[in-house]
Protein backbone atom coordinates (compact mmCIF):
# COMPACT_ATOMS: atom_id res chain seq x y z
CA MET A 1 0.04 0.10 -0.02
CA VAL A 2 2.77 2.43 0.87
CA LYS A 3 4.43 1.72 -2.45
CA TYR A 4 1.33 2.61 -4.39
CA VAL A 5 0.84 5.99 -2.31
CA LEU A 6 4.53 6.72 -3.03
CA ILE A 7 4.09 6.06 -6.84
CA LEU A 8 0.79 8.31 -6.82
CA PHE A 9 2.68 11.16 -4.88
CA VAL A 10 5.78 11.08 -7.35
CA THR A 11 3.44 10.90 -10.31
CA ILE A 12 1.52 14.12 -8.93
CA LEU A 13 4.68 15.67 -8.13
CA PHE A 14 6.10 15.45 -11.70
CA ALA A 15 2.83 16.35 -13.20
CA SER A 16 2.57 19.52 -11.12
CA CYS A 17 6.18 20.71 -11.93
CA ASN A 18 5.15 21.45 -15.71
CA LYS A 19 3.58 24.86 -15.19
CA ASP A 20 2.93 24.91 -19.05
CA SER A 21 1.36 21.57 -19.32
CA ASN A 22 -1.33 23.09 -21.75
CA ILE A 23 1.23 24.57 -24.04
CA ASP A 24 2.06 22.60 -27.14
CA CYS A 25 5.85 22.58 -27.02
CA GLU A 26 6.28 20.74 -30.28
CA ASN A 27 4.84 23.82 -32.40
CA TYR A 28 5.53 26.55 -29.85
CA ASP A 29 5.96 29.81 -31.63
CA TYR A 30 8.97 31.47 -30.13
CA SER A 31 8.61 34.67 -32.33
CA SER A 32 7.42 36.88 -29.37
CA CYS A 33 9.94 35.34 -26.96
CA ASN A 34 13.54 36.72 -26.58
CA THR A 35 15.52 33.65 -25.72
CA ILE A 36 18.96 35.55 -25.22
CA GLU A 37 19.40 36.80 -21.88
CA PRO A 38 19.95 40.64 -21.91
CA GLU A 39 22.66 42.54 -20.01
CA ASP A 40 21.36 46.00 -20.73
CA GLY A 41 18.11 47.66 -22.17
CA VAL A 42 16.30 50.66 -23.05
CA LEU A 43 15.06 53.02 -20.24
CA ASN A 44 12.59 55.78 -21.24
CA ILE A 45 12.37 59.11 -19.40
CA ILE A 46 9.22 61.04 -20.11
CA VAL A 47 8.98 64.90 -19.37
CA THR A 48 6.42 67.56 -19.72
CA LYS A 49 6.85 70.15 -22.70
CA GLN A 50 5.37 73.36 -21.41
CA THR A 51 5.63 75.32 -24.41
CA VAL A 52 6.57 74.83 -28.13
CA ASN A 53 10.17 75.82 -27.82
CA SER A 54 10.48 74.97 -24.10
CA ARG A 55 13.51 72.67 -22.92
CA VAL A 56 13.37 70.95 -19.67
CA PRO A 57 16.82 70.48 -17.42
CA ILE A 58 16.97 66.69 -16.53
CA SER A 59 19.46 64.45 -14.58
CA LEU A 60 19.60 60.84 -14.48
CA TYR A 61 21.36 58.85 -11.83
CA LYS A 62 22.26 55.34 -11.26
CA GLY A 63 21.31 54.33 -7.64
CA LYS A 64 18.53 55.00 -5.43
CA TYR A 65 17.19 58.65 -4.57
CA GLY A 66 18.45 59.74 -1.30
CA GLU A 67 21.43 57.49 -1.30
CA THR A 68 24.90 57.79 -2.83
CA ALA A 69 24.35 57.76 -6.62
CA THR A 70 26.29 58.30 -9.75
CA LEU A 71 25.14 60.76 -12.29
CA ILE A 72 24.81 59.41 -15.73
CA TYR A 73 23.39 62.16 -17.73
CA SER A 74 22.59 65.82 -17.14
CA ASP A 75 21.25 68.20 -20.08
CA THR A 76 18.47 70.31 -21.11
CA ILE A 77 16.19 68.45 -23.51
CA SER A 78 13.43 69.60 -25.77
CA GLU A 79 11.77 66.38 -26.56
CA VAL A 80 8.92 64.93 -24.36
CA GLU A 81 10.70 61.64 -24.25
CA ILE A 82 14.47 60.46 -24.22
CA THR A 83 16.08 56.98 -24.10
CA PHE A 84 19.16 55.53 -22.56
CA ASN A 85 20.99 52.21 -22.77
CA VAL A 86 21.60 51.35 -19.42
CA LEU A 87 22.66 48.04 -17.28
CA LEU A 88 19.97 45.82 -16.04
CA ASN A 89 19.20 44.84 -12.48
CA GLU A 90 20.07 48.43 -11.10
CA ASP A 91 18.11 51.26 -9.54
CA TYR A 92 17.66 54.52 -11.52
CA TYR A 93 16.08 57.73 -10.89
CA ALA A 94 15.72 61.09 -12.78
CA ILE A 95 14.92 64.68 -11.72
CA ALA A 96 13.45 67.28 -14.10
CA LYS A 97 13.53 71.03 -13.12
CA TYR A 98 10.36 73.05 -14.38
CA GLU A 99 9.71 76.88 -14.09
CA SER A 100 6.16 77.83 -13.59
CA GLY A 101 4.68 81.01 -12.52
CA GLY A 102 7.89 82.22 -10.98
CA LYS A 103 8.37 79.02 -9.11
CA THR A 104 10.81 76.28 -9.44
CA ILE A 105 9.16 72.72 -9.49
CA TYR A 106 11.28 69.40 -9.31
CA ALA A 107 9.82 66.30 -10.53
CA ILE A 108 11.41 63.12 -9.20
CA ASP A 109 10.73 59.37 -10.25
CA GLY A 110 12.79 56.16 -10.31
CA THR A 111 12.63 52.57 -10.99
CA TYR A 112 14.33 49.27 -10.53
CA PHE A 113 15.34 48.38 -14.13
CA LYS A 114 15.37 44.42 -14.17
CA LYS A 115 15.15 41.29 -16.44
CA VAL A 116 12.72 38.64 -15.66
CA GLY A 117 12.95 35.22 -17.13
CA GLN A 118 10.04 32.70 -17.65
CA THR A 119 10.68 29.20 -18.59
CA THR A 120 8.41 28.10 -21.48
CA CYS A 121 8.86 24.46 -22.85
CA ASP A 122 12.81 24.22 -23.20
CA SER A 123 13.80 27.97 -23.26
CA THR A 124 13.73 30.85 -21.19
CA CYS A 125 11.84 34.00 -22.35
CA TRP A 126 13.28 37.27 -21.14
CA LYS A 127 11.46 40.41 -20.55
CA ILE A 128 12.49 43.90 -19.19
CA LYS A 129 10.47 45.51 -16.29
CA GLY A 130 10.68 49.00 -15.00
CA ALA A 131 11.73 50.45 -18.41
CA GLU A 132 10.23 53.80 -17.68
CA ILE A 133 10.71 56.83 -15.55
CA ASP A 134 7.98 59.45 -15.64
CA ILE A 135 8.93 63.02 -14.60
CA ARG A 136 6.05 64.63 -16.11
CA LEU A 137 4.34 67.39 -14.24
CA LYS A 138 1.12 66.28 -12.46
CA ASN A 139 -2.15 68.26 -12.99
């Protein structure tokens, strides 16, 4: 009796380990799956453009806000979005400086820019999370 219970337990264990049991691995379409593990990726920073010819001073840092960080980029931009190719599995934050009604307003946002792997059939599909820093003015 113990032998049959053990066989049943092992069978259930192996069957439950396959999370993708409803996926047809013989004909799986990997076209939307990045199987090459990334080391870096594209980080987007979005700012508010106040007028047609306005420029926004921004600074991008590697590290957490309020802790020791490394300045990566500092300039005045005229676009509403700028992208950077940066290393994954790191913290980043950005600061934008806006002038409005004679006041200076700082917008700060950050992200943990990471890679996440999910095993599908016999491969790992990689995705990038935290790929946006939004330093637009809030209404």
